[in-house]
Structure formats: C-alpha cells, structure tokens
PDB file of N, CA and C in Angstrom:
ATOM      1  N   MET A   1      91.914   8.822 -68.043  1.00  0.00           N
ATOM      2  CA  MET A   1      92.971   8.466 -69.342  1.00  0.00           C
ATOM      3  C   MET A   1      94.227   8.669 -68.599  1.00  0.00           C
ATOM      4  N   GLU A   2      95.130   7.920 -69.256  1.00  0.00           N
ATOM      5  CA  GLU A   2      96.870   8.375 -68.894  1.00  0.00           C
ATOM      6  C   GLU A   2      97.116   9.070 -69.576  1.00  0.00           C
ATOM      7  N   PRO A   3      97.943   9.961 -68.747  1.00  0.00           N
ATOM      8  CA  PRO A   3      98.309  11.721 -68.914  1.00  0.00           C
ATOM      9  C   PRO A   3      99.657  11.195 -70.203  1.00  0.00           C
ATOM     10  N   ILE A   4      99.251  12.151 -71.314  1.00  0.00           N
ATOM     11  CA  ILE A   4     100.116  11.951 -72.316  1.00  0.00           C
ATOM     12  C   ILE A   4     101.565  13.407 -72.620  1.00  0.00           C
ATOM     13  N   TYR A   5     102.082  12.877 -72.990  1.00  0.00           N
ATOM     14  CA  TYR A   5     103.390  14.019 -72.571  1.00  0.00           C
ATOM     15  C   TYR A   5     103.442  14.515 -73.906  1.00  0.00           C
ATOM     16  N   ALA A   6     103.706  15.930 -74.206  1.00  0.00           N
ATOM     17  CA  ALA A   6     103.116  17.119 -75.123  1.00  0.00           C
ATOM     18  C   ALA A   6     104.396  17.716 -75.404  1.00  0.00           C
ATOM     19  N   LYS A   7     104.501  18.187 -76.418  1.00  0.00           N
ATOM     20  CA  LYS A   7     105.220  19.461 -76.414  1.00  0.00           C
ATOM     21  C   LYS A   7     104.615  20.723 -77.635  1.00  0.00           C
ATOM     22  N   CYS A   8     104.776  21.805 -77.336  1.00  0.00           N
ATOM     23  CA  CYS A   8     104.352  23.185 -78.226  1.00  0.00           C
ATOM     24  C   CYS A   8     105.203  22.931 -79.371  1.00  0.00           C
ATOM     25  N   ASN A   9     105.086  22.259 -80.055  1.00  0.00           N
ATOM     26  CA  ASN A   9     106.140  22.665 -80.980  1.00  0.00           C
ATOM     27  C   ASN A   9     105.783  23.259 -82.219  1.00  0.00           C
ATOM     28  N   LYS A  10     104.935  24.166 -82.070  1.00  0.00           N
ATOM     29  CA  LYS A  10     104.352  24.928 -83.020  1.00  0.00           C
ATOM     30  C   LYS A  10     104.436  26.658 -82.532  1.00  0.00           C
ATOM     31  N   SER A  11     104.403  27.159 -81.466  1.00  0.00           N
ATOM     32  CA  SER A  11     104.917  27.687 -80.528  1.00  0.00           C
ATOM     33  C   SER A  11     105.803  28.239 -79.759  1.00  0.00           C
ATOM     34  N   CYS A  12     105.470  28.049 -78.411  1.00  0.00           N
ATOM     35  CA  CYS A  12     106.554  28.439 -77.185  1.00  0.00           C
ATOM     36  C   CYS A  12     107.563  27.552 -76.924  1.00  0.00           C
ATOM     37  N   GLY A  13     107.529  26.199 -77.217  1.00  0.00           N
ATOM     38  CA  GLY A  13     108.038  24.720 -77.244  1.00  0.00           C
ATOM     39  C   GLY A  13     107.852  24.496 -75.692  1.00  0.00           C
ATOM     40  N   HIS A  14     106.663  24.706 -74.740  1.00  0.00           N
ATOM     41  CA  HIS A  14     106.519  24.071 -73.502  1.00  0.00           C
ATOM     42  C   HIS A  14     106.432  23.526 -73.278  1.00  0.00           C
ATOM     43  N   LYS A  15     106.758  21.849 -72.684  1.00  0.00           N
ATOM     44  CA  LYS A  15     106.477  20.945 -72.161  1.00  0.00           C
ATOM     45  C   LYS A  15     105.763  20.064 -71.618  1.00  0.00           C
ATOM     46  N   PHE A  16     104.558  19.620 -71.611  1.00  0.00           N
ATOM     47  CA  PHE A  16     103.630  19.816 -70.870  1.00  0.00           C
ATOM     48  C   PHE A  16     102.546  18.261 -71.028  1.00  0.00           C
ATOM     49  N   TYR A  17     101.953  18.072 -70.357  1.00  0.00           N
ATOM     50  CA  TYR A  17     101.299  16.416 -70.316  1.00  0.00           C
ATOM     51  C   TYR A  17      99.987  16.966 -70.319  1.00  0.00           C
ATOM     52  N   ILE A  18      99.150  16.457 -71.027  1.00  0.00           N
ATOM     53  CA  ILE A  18      98.130  16.261 -70.988  1.00  0.00           C
ATOM     54  C   ILE A  18      97.055  15.440 -70.409  1.00  0.00           C
ATOM     55  N   GLN A  19      96.035  15.541 -69.514  1.00  0.00           N
ATOM     56  CA  GLN A  19      95.603  15.206 -68.938  1.00  0.00           C
ATOM     57  C   GLN A  19      94.235  14.899 -69.085  1.00  0.00           C
ATOM     58  N   HIS A  20      93.339  15.874 -69.920  1.00  0.00           N
ATOM     59  CA  HIS A  20      92.274  15.320 -70.686  1.00  0.00           C
ATOM     60  C   HIS A  20      92.092  16.453 -72.213  1.00  0.00           C
ATOM     61  N   PHE A  21      91.013  15.608 -72.919  1.00  0.00           N
ATOM     62  CA  PHE A  21      90.856  16.531 -74.087  1.00  0.00           C
ATOM     63  C   PHE A  21      90.018  17.892 -74.227  1.00  0.00           C
ATOM     64  N   LYS A  22      89.609  18.277 -74.820  1.00  0.00           N
ATOM     65  CA  LYS A  22      88.520  19.309 -74.940  1.00  0.00           C
ATOM     66  C   LYS A  22      87.629  19.064 -75.922  1.00  0.00           C
ATOM     67  N   LYS A  23      86.616  19.459 -75.971  1.00  0.00           N
ATOM     68  CA  LYS A  23      85.567  19.098 -77.093  1.00  0.00           C
ATOM     69  C   LYS A  23      84.855  20.398 -77.631  1.00  0.00           C
ATOM     70  N   ASP A  24      84.586  20.680 -78.729  1.00  0.00           N
ATOM     71  CA  ASP A  24      83.717  22.211 -78.675  1.00  0.00           C
ATOM     72  C   ASP A  24      82.446  21.484 -79.853  1.00  0.00           C
ATOM     73  N   ARG A  25      81.125  21.939 -79.910  1.00  0.00           N
ATOM     74  CA  ARG A  25      80.491  21.610 -80.727  1.00  0.00           C
ATOM     75  C   ARG A  25      80.635  22.790 -81.938  1.00  0.00           C
ATOM     76  N   LEU A  26      81.036  22.715 -83.042  1.00  0.00           N
ATOM     77  CA  LEU A  26      81.056  23.327 -83.974  1.00  0.00           C
ATOM     78  C   LEU A  26      79.441  24.367 -84.730  1.00  0.00           C
ATOM     79  N   ASP A  27      78.809  22.950 -84.962  1.00  0.00           N
ATOM     80  CA  ASP A  27      77.758  23.231 -85.250  1.00  0.00           C
ATOM     81  C   ASP A  27      76.728  22.512 -84.749  1.00  0.00           C
ATOM     82  N   HIS A  28      75.356  22.190 -85.335  1.00  0.00           N
ATOM     83  CA  HIS A  28      74.491  21.349 -84.438  1.00  0.00           C
ATOM     84  C   HIS A  28      75.216  19.908 -84.432  1.00  0.00           C
ATOM     85  N   THR A  29      75.963  19.132 -85.744  1.00  0.00           N
ATOM     86  CA  THR A  29      76.831  17.814 -85.811  1.00  0.00           C
ATOM     87  C   THR A  29      78.255  17.873 -85.434  1.00  0.00           C
ATOM     88  N   ILE A  30      78.638  18.575 -86.058  1.00  0.00           N
ATOM     89  CA  ILE A  30      80.563  18.506 -86.228  1.00  0.00           C
ATOM     90  C   ILE A  30      81.257  18.902 -84.163  1.00  0.00           C
ATOM     91  N   GLU A  31      81.542  17.808 -83.916  1.00  0.00           N
ATOM     92  CA  GLU A  31      82.360  18.476 -82.675  1.00  0.00           C
ATOM     93  C   GLU A  31      83.989  18.096 -83.044  1.00  0.00           C
ATOM     94  N   LYS A  32      84.750  19.190 -82.437  1.00  0.00           N
ATOM     95  CA  LYS A  32      86.351  19.502 -82.517  1.00  0.00           C
ATOM     96  C   LYS A  32      87.077  18.864 -81.013  1.00  0.00           C
ATOM     97  N   THR A  33      87.699  17.899 -81.167  1.00  0.00           N
ATOM     98  CA  THR A  33      88.512  17.194 -80.165  1.00  0.00           C
ATOM     99  C   THR A  33      89.713  17.947 -80.112  1.00  0.00           C
ATOM    100  N   TYR A  34      90.297  18.780 -79.081  1.00  0.00           N
ATOM    101  CA  TYR A  34      91.758  19.376 -79.445  1.00  0.00           C
ATOM    102  C   TYR A  34      92.253  19.413 -77.858  1.00  0.00           C
ATOM    103  N   PHE A  35      93.524  19.864 -77.948  1.00  0.00           N
ATOM    104  CA  PHE A  35      93.939  20.183 -76.332  1.00  0.00           C
ATOM    105  C   PHE A  35      94.757  21.354 -76.745  1.00  0.00           C
ATOM    106  N   SER A  36      95.262  22.207 -75.672  1.00  0.00           N
ATOM    107  CA  SER A  36      95.991  23.866 -75.721  1.00  0.00           C
ATOM    108  C   SER A  36      97.209  23.761 -74.425  1.00  0.00           C
ATOM    109  N   CYS A  37      98.286  24.613 -75.076  1.00  0.00           N
ATOM    110  CA  CYS A  37      99.044  24.416 -73.937  1.00  0.00           C
ATOM    111  C   CYS A  37      99.130  25.100 -73.361  1.00  0.00           C
ATOM    112  N   PRO A  38      98.903  24.442 -71.970  1.00  0.00           N
ATOM    113  CA  PRO A  38      98.688  25.596 -70.791  1.00  0.00           C
ATOM    114  C   PRO A  38      99.286  27.075 -70.755  1.00  0.00           C
ATOM    115  N   LYS A  39     100.723  27.116 -71.743  1.00  0.00           N
ATOM    116  CA  LYS A  39     101.384  28.325 -71.497  1.00  0.00           C
ATOM    117  C   LYS A  39     101.397  29.338 -72.262  1.00  0.00           C
ATOM    118  N   CYS A  40     100.885  29.342 -73.558  1.00  0.00           N
ATOM    119  CA  CYS A  40     100.833  30.064 -74.628  1.00  0.00           C
ATOM    120  C   CYS A  40      99.642  29.885 -75.189  1.00  0.00           C
ATOM    121  N   GLY A  41      98.402  29.091 -74.807  1.00  0.00           N
ATOM    122  CA  GLY A  41      97.305  28.839 -75.490  1.00  0.00           C
ATOM    123  C   GLY A  41      96.878  28.138 -76.854  1.00  0.00           C
ATOM    124  N   ARG A  42      97.995  27.565 -77.765  1.00  0.00           N
ATOM    125  CA  ARG A  42      97.764  26.979 -79.047  1.00  0.00           C
ATOM    126  C   ARG A  42      97.201  25.954 -78.731  1.00  0.00           C
ATOM    127  N   GLU A  43      96.196  26.119 -79.872  1.00  0.00           N
ATOM    128  CA  GLU A  43      95.340  25.134 -79.516  1.00  0.00           C
ATOM    129  C   GLU A  43      95.489  23.841 -80.803  1.00  0.00           C
ATOM    130  N   TYR A  44      95.787  22.769 -80.242  1.00  0.00           N
ATOM    131  CA  TYR A  44      95.899  21.579 -81.380  1.00  0.00           C
ATOM    132  C   TYR A  44      94.948  20.608 -81.789  1.00  0.00           C
ATOM    133  N   ILE A  45      94.667  20.577 -82.771  1.00  0.00           N
ATOM    134  CA  ILE A  45      93.196  20.045 -83.031  1.00  0.00           C
ATOM    135  C   ILE A  45      93.673  18.464 -83.309  1.00  0.00           C
ATOM    136  N   CYS A  46      93.043  17.491 -82.694  1.00  0.00           N
ATOM    137  CA  CYS A  46      92.782  15.897 -82.492  1.00  0.00           C
ATOM    138  C   CYS A  46      92.274  15.500 -84.037  1.00  0.00           C
ATOM    139  N   PHE A  47      90.985  16.173 -83.562  1.00  0.00           N
ATOM    140  CA  PHE A  47      89.948  15.090 -84.566  1.00  0.00           C
ATOM    141  C   PHE A  47      88.721  15.747 -84.996  1.00  0.00           C
ATOM    142  N   TYR A  48      87.943  16.009 -85.979  1.00  0.00           N
ATOM    143  CA  TYR A  48      86.566  16.402 -85.716  1.00  0.00           C
ATOM    144  C   TYR A  48      85.924  15.477 -86.206  1.00  0.00           C
ATOM    145  N   THR A  49      84.705  15.334 -85.956  1.00  0.00           N
ATOM    146  CA  THR A  49      83.664  14.166 -85.934  1.00  0.00           C
ATOM    147  C   THR A  49      82.055  15.055 -86.155  1.00  0.00           C
ATOM    148  N   ASP A  50      81.543  13.978 -86.844  1.00  0.00           N
ATOM    149  CA  ASP A  50      80.090  14.124 -87.115  1.00  0.00           C
ATOM    150  C   ASP A  50      79.428  12.835 -86.188  1.00  0.00           C
ATOM    151  N   GLU A  51      77.834  13.056 -86.754  1.00  0.00           N
ATOM    152  CA  GLU A  51      76.768  12.039 -86.361  1.00  0.00           C
ATOM    153  C   GLU A  51      77.630  10.431 -86.379  1.00  0.00           C
ATOM    154  N   ARG A  52      77.786  10.671 -87.840  1.00  0.00           N
ATOM    155  CA  ARG A  52      77.628   9.067 -88.351  1.00  0.00           C
ATOM    156  C   ARG A  52      79.132   8.622 -87.971  1.00  0.00           C
ATOM    157  N   THR A  53      80.402   9.514 -87.567  1.00  0.00           N
ATOM    158  CA  THR A  53      81.552   9.074 -87.272  1.00  0.00           C
ATOM    159  C   THR A  53      81.908   8.879 -85.872  1.00  0.00           C
ATOM    160  N   ARG A  54      80.798   9.578 -84.809  1.00  0.00           N
ATOM    161  CA  ARG A  54      80.695   9.219 -82.994  1.00  0.00           C
ATOM    162  C   ARG A  54      79.620   7.745 -83.422  1.00  0.00           C
ATOM    163  N   LYS A  55      78.762   7.328 -84.400  1.00  0.00           N
ATOM    164  CA  LYS A  55      77.900   6.157 -84.559  1.00  0.00           C
ATOM    165  C   LYS A  55      79.058   4.986 -84.364  1.00  0.00           C
ATOM    166  N   LEU A  56      79.847   5.146 -85.651  1.00  0.00           N
ATOM    167  CA  LEU A  56      80.796   4.371 -86.007  1.00  0.00           C
ATOM    168  C   LEU A  56      81.957   3.671 -84.724  1.00  0.00           C
ATOM    169  N   TYR A  57      82.397   4.878 -83.792  1.00  0.00           N
ATOM    170  CA  TYR A  57      83.146   5.012 -82.644  1.00  0.00           C
ATOM    171  C   TYR A  57      82.307   3.913 -82.104  1.00  0.00           C
ATOM    172  N   ALA A  58      80.935   4.417 -82.004  1.00  0.00           N
ATOM    173  CA  ALA A  58      80.166   3.514 -80.585  1.00  0.00           C
ATOM    174  C   ALA A  58      80.001   1.852 -81.258  1.00  0.00           C
ATOM    175  N   GLU A  59      80.083   1.483 -82.390  1.00  0.00           N
ATOM    176  CA  GLU A  59      80.179   0.663 -82.896  1.00  0.00           C
ATOM    177  C   GLU A  59      81.399  -0.384 -82.693  1.00  0.00           C
ATOM    178  N   LEU A  60      82.349  -0.111 -82.414  1.00  0.00           N
ATOM    179  CA  LEU A  60      83.650  -0.149 -82.245  1.00  0.00           C
ATOM    180  C   LEU A  60      84.016  -0.182 -81.164  1.00  0.00           C
ATOM    181  N   ARG A  61      83.591   0.159 -79.726  1.00  0.00           N
ATOM    182  CA  ARG A  61      83.699   0.239 -78.477  1.00  0.00           C
ATOM    183  C   ARG A  61      83.079  -1.414 -77.990  1.00  0.00           C
ATOM    184  N   GLU A  62      81.331  -1.371 -79.016  1.00  0.00           N
ATOM    185  CA  GLU A  62      80.632  -2.296 -79.135  1.00  0.00           C
ATOM    186  C   GLU A  62      81.260  -3.893 -79.033  1.00  0.00           C
ATOM    187  N   LEU A  63      81.880  -3.631 -80.410  1.00  0.00           N
ATOM    188  CA  LEU A  63      82.319  -5.220 -80.724  1.00  0.00           C
ATOM    189  C   LEU A  63      83.909  -5.059 -80.094  1.00  0.00           C
ATOM    190  N   HIS A  64      84.706  -4.201 -79.376  1.00  0.00           N
ATOM    191  CA  HIS A  64      85.676  -4.393 -78.492  1.00  0.00           C
ATOM    192  C   HIS A  64      85.032  -5.322 -77.603  1.00  0.00           C
ATOM    193  N   ARG A  65      83.958  -5.255 -76.955  1.00  0.00           N
ATOM    194  CA  ARG A  65      83.557  -5.745 -75.614  1.00  0.00           C
ATOM    195  C   ARG A  65      83.414  -7.352 -76.409  1.00  0.00           C
ATOM    196  N   GLU A  66      82.618  -7.276 -77.449  1.00  0.00           N
ATOM    197  CA  GLU A  66      82.138  -8.481 -77.575  1.00  0.00           C
ATOM    198  C   GLU A  66      83.503  -9.430 -78.206  1.00  0.00           C
ATOM    199  N   MET A  67      84.633  -9.173 -78.220  1.00  0.00           N
ATOM    200  CA  MET A  67      85.554  -9.446 -78.531  1.00  0.00           C
ATOM    201  C   MET A  67      86.561 -10.324 -77.464  1.00  0.00           C
ATOM    202  N   LYS A  68      86.146  -9.592 -75.728  1.00  0.00           N
ATOM    203  CA  LYS A  68      86.780  -9.867 -74.840  1.00  0.00           C
ATOM    204  C   LYS A  68      86.037 -11.154 -74.399  1.00  0.00           C
ATOM    205  N   TRP A  69      85.079 -11.707 -74.800  1.00  0.00           N
ATOM    206  CA  TRP A  69      83.912 -12.902 -74.372  1.00  0.00           C
ATOM    207  C   TRP A  69      83.640 -14.324 -75.454  1.00  0.00           C
ATOM    208  N   ILE A  70      84.360 -13.734 -76.770  1.00  0.00           N
ATOM    209  CA  ILE A  70      83.708 -14.594 -78.197  1.00  0.00           C
ATOM    210  C   ILE A  70      85.191 -15.821 -77.874  1.00  0.00           C
ATOM    211  N   ASP A  71      85.080 -16.877 -78.621  1.00  0.00           N
ATOM    212  CA  ASP A  71      85.980 -18.118 -79.101  1.00  0.00           C
ATOM    213  C   ASP A  71      86.838 -17.637 -80.013  1.00  0.00           C
ATOM    214  N   ARG A  72      87.916 -18.363 -80.345  1.00  0.00           N
ATOM    215  CA  ARG A  72      88.881 -18.338 -81.504  1.00  0.00           C
ATOM    216  C   ARG A  72      88.483 -17.830 -82.592  1.00  0.00           C
ATOM    217  N   ASN A  73      87.348 -18.881 -82.984  1.00  0.00           N
ATOM    218  CA  ASN A  73      86.772 -18.715 -84.500  1.00  0.00           C
ATOM    219  C   ASN A  73      85.965 -17.560 -85.232  1.00  0.00           C
ATOM    220  N   GLY A  74      85.360 -17.515 -83.606  1.00  0.00           N
ATOM    221  CA  GLY A  74      84.544 -15.884 -84.170  1.00  0.00           C
ATOM    222  C   GLY A  74      85.504 -14.913 -83.790  1.00  0.00           C
ATOM    223  N   LEU A  75      86.996 -14.832 -82.634  1.00  0.00           N
ATOM    224  CA  LEU A  75      87.481 -13.537 -82.901  1.00  0.00           C
ATOM    225  C   LEU A  75      88.292 -13.310 -84.391  1.00  0.00           C
ATOM    226  N   GLU A  76      88.253 -13.981 -85.161  1.00  0.00           N
ATOM    227  CA  GLU A  76      88.625 -13.914 -86.342  1.00  0.00           C
ATOM    228  C   GLU A  76      87.515 -12.888 -87.493  1.00  0.00           C
ATOM    229  N   ARG A  77      86.536 -13.293 -87.395  1.00  0.00           N
ATOM    230  CA  ARG A  77      85.790 -12.460 -88.287  1.00  0.00           C
ATOM    231  C   ARG A  77      85.316 -11.105 -87.783  1.00  0.00           C
ATOM    232  N   LEU A  78      85.297 -11.397 -86.324  1.00  0.00           N
ATOM    233  CA  LEU A  78      85.408  -9.784 -85.138  1.00  0.00           C
ATOM    234  C   LEU A  78      86.496  -9.014 -85.554  1.00  0.00           C
ATOM    235  N   LYS A  79      87.474  -9.451 -85.770  1.00  0.00           N
ATOM    236  CA  LYS A  79      89.278  -8.674 -86.213  1.00  0.00           C
ATOM    237  C   LYS A  79      88.452  -8.253 -87.756  1.00  0.00           C
ATOM    238  N   LYS A  80      88.146  -9.125 -88.619  1.00  0.00           N
ATOM    239  CA  LYS A  80      88.024  -8.125 -89.881  1.00  0.00           C
ATOM    240  C   LYS A  80      86.835  -7.058 -89.867  1.00  0.00           C
ATOM    241  N   LYS A  81      85.736  -7.477 -88.827  1.00  0.00           N
ATOM    242  CA  LYS A  81      84.687  -6.404 -88.762  1.00  0.00           C
ATOM    243  C   LYS A  81      85.576  -5.114 -88.163  1.00  0.00           C
ATOM    244  N   GLU A  82      86.515  -5.179 -87.403  1.00  0.00           N
ATOM    245  CA  GLU A  82      87.025  -4.057 -86.648  1.00  0.00           C
ATOM    246  C   GLU A  82      87.838  -3.062 -87.444  1.00  0.00           C
ATOM    247  N   SER A  83      88.635  -4.025 -88.261  1.00  0.00           N
ATOM    248  CA  SER A  83      89.413  -3.829 -89.760  1.00  0.00           C
ATOM    249  C   SER A  83      88.359  -2.645 -90.234  1.00  0.00           C
ATOM    250  N   THR A  84      87.361  -3.110 -90.926  1.00  0.00           N
ATOM    251  CA  THR A  84      86.140  -2.385 -91.734  1.00  0.00           C
ATOM    252  C   THR A  84      85.995  -1.508 -90.715  1.00  0.00           C
ATOM    253  N   LEU A  85      85.481  -1.320 -89.726  1.00  0.00           N
ATOM    254  CA  LEU A  85      85.115   0.185 -88.439  1.00  0.00           C
ATOM    255  C   LEU A  85      86.477   0.689 -88.828  1.00  0.00           C
ATOM    256  N   LYS A  86      87.399   0.495 -88.718  1.00  0.00           N
ATOM    257  CA  LYS A  86      88.372   1.476 -88.229  1.00  0.00           C
ATOM    258  C   LYS A  86      88.911   2.426 -90.069  1.00  0.00           C
ATOM    259  N   GLN A  87      88.986   1.326 -90.956  1.00  0.00           N
ATOM    260  CA  GLN A  87      88.709   2.202 -92.475  1.00  0.00           C
ATOM    261  C   GLN A  87      87.477   3.115 -92.021  1.00  0.00           C
ATOM    262  N   MET A  88      86.754   2.881 -91.820  1.00  0.00           N
ATOM    263  CA  MET A  88      85.449   3.614 -92.661  1.00  0.00           C
ATOM    264  C   MET A  88      85.351   4.726 -91.423  1.00  0.00           C
ATOM    265  N   ILE A  89      86.138   4.742 -90.043  1.00  0.00           N
ATOM    266  CA  ILE A  89      86.247   6.003 -89.140  1.00  0.00           C
ATOM    267  C   ILE A  89      87.451   6.917 -89.729  1.00  0.00           C
ATOM    268  N   SER A  90      88.718   6.135 -89.937  1.00  0.00           N
ATOM    269  CA  SER A  90      89.582   7.343 -90.790  1.00  0.00           C
ATOM    270  C   SER A  90      89.162   8.028 -91.833  1.00  0.00           C
ATOM    271  N   ASN A  91      88.354   7.175 -92.933  1.00  0.00           N
ATOM    272  CA  ASN A  91      87.794   7.775 -94.291  1.00  0.00           C
ATOM    273  C   ASN A  91      86.713   9.006 -93.930  1.00  0.00           C
ATOM    274  N   SER A  92      86.127   8.429 -92.478  1.00  0.00           N
ATOM    275  CA  SER A  92      84.846   9.921 -92.042  1.00  0.00           C
ATOM    276  C   SER A  92      85.652  10.636 -91.486  1.00  0.00           C
ATOM    277  N   THR A  93      86.812  11.025 -90.539  1.00  0.00           N
ATOM    278  CA  THR A  93      87.111  11.762 -90.003  1.00  0.00           C
ATOM    279  C   THR A  93      88.001  12.543 -90.568  1.00  0.00           C
ATOM    280  N   ALA A  94      88.702  12.044 -92.076  1.00  0.00           N
ATOM    281  CA  ALA A  94      89.141  12.736 -92.739  1.00  0.00           C
ATOM    282  C   ALA A  94      88.284  13.086 -94.092  1.00  0.00           C
ATOM    283  N   GLY A  95      86.955  13.022 -94.147  1.00  0.00           N
ATOM    284  CA  GLY A  95      85.870  13.988 -94.611  1.00  0.00           C
ATOM    285  C   GLY A  95      85.956  15.044 -94.031  1.00  0.00           C
ATOM    286  N   VAL A  96      85.247  14.959 -92.406  1.00  0.00           N
ATOM    287  CA  VAL A  96      85.050  15.981 -91.755  1.00  0.00           C
ATOM    288  C   VAL A  96      85.948  17.225 -91.671  1.00  0.00           C
ATOM    289  N   ARG A  97      87.087  16.171 -91.292  1.00  0.00           N
ATOM    290  CA  ARG A  97      88.408  17.686 -91.366  1.00  0.00           C
ATOM    291  C   ARG A  97      88.807  18.297 -92.891  1.00  0.00           C
ATOM    292  N   LYS A  98      88.660  17.860 -94.159  1.00  0.00           N
ATOM    293  CA  LYS A  98      88.514  18.581 -95.118  1.00  0.00           C
ATOM    294  C   LYS A  98      87.403  19.004 -95.471  1.00  0.00           C
ATOM    295  N   MET A  99      86.334  19.399 -95.088  1.00  0.00           N
ATOM    296  CA  MET A  99      85.163  19.382 -94.993  1.00  0.00           C
ATOM    297  C   MET A  99      85.143  21.021 -94.408  1.00  0.00           C
ATOM    298  N   ILE A 100      85.768  20.966 -93.266  1.00  0.00           N
ATOM    299  CA  ILE A 100      86.302  22.033 -92.037  1.00  0.00           C
ATOM    300  C   ILE A 100      87.309  22.772 -92.536  1.00  0.00           C
ATOM    301  N   GLU A 101      88.456  22.259 -92.473  1.00  0.00           N
ATOM    302  CA  GLU A 101      89.526  23.376 -92.772  1.00  0.00           C
ATOM    303  C   GLU A 101      89.641  23.417 -93.970  1.00  0.00           C
ATOM    304  N   GLY A 102      89.423  22.550 -95.508  1.00  0.00           N
ATOM    305  CA  GLY A 102      89.509  22.982 -96.515  1.00  0.00           C
ATOM    306  C   GLY A 102      89.990  21.959 -97.096  1.00  0.00           C
TER     307      GLY A 102
END
C-alpha cells in the first residue's frame, strides 16, 4: 500500500503517514477497519464490513480482473455492473455503520 499522509485533526494535530490499516473483529461477522494516531492513539474508523459486504468487495475485485481482458463492447456492460456493485457496497457499509454506531 502506498503511504497516506494524515493529520490527527480531532486530538493532538500530529502529522503522520499511514502505512497499514488495522482490522478488529467486533463479533463473529462485523469487522472494523481503522488507523490510529501514533502520538496520542486517537482512533479513526474508515469503515465497518459484514460478511455480505466482504463478498461484494470480492466480487468487485474479480470484476476488475475481468475488465483488464475484455473487449470494448463487454467493457461497457462490466462498467454498469461495477457501478451497481459500488452502490451496493456503499449502502451495505452505511447500514453496518448505522447498526454499530447508532
């Protein structure tokens, strides 16, 4: 992963690079992806996923592999499918976040 420049804008103001995201399993199906400020430890949640969301992400990765090798006509069809999958993922992650955070 390419390092991402970040600033702890909710706590200490420390500027740092994110090398890796952390993952914690909250229960048997929910996973939290986040990073923390190395200076003060403030946690920044990126997103939550459940089993369904992770399956959708896997479908999207497979679709991107297919898109590399397909002709122009097929590419348009796959782009529509990609758009649908992205919307489903967005809705799913928002639903899980709402369930966890209230």
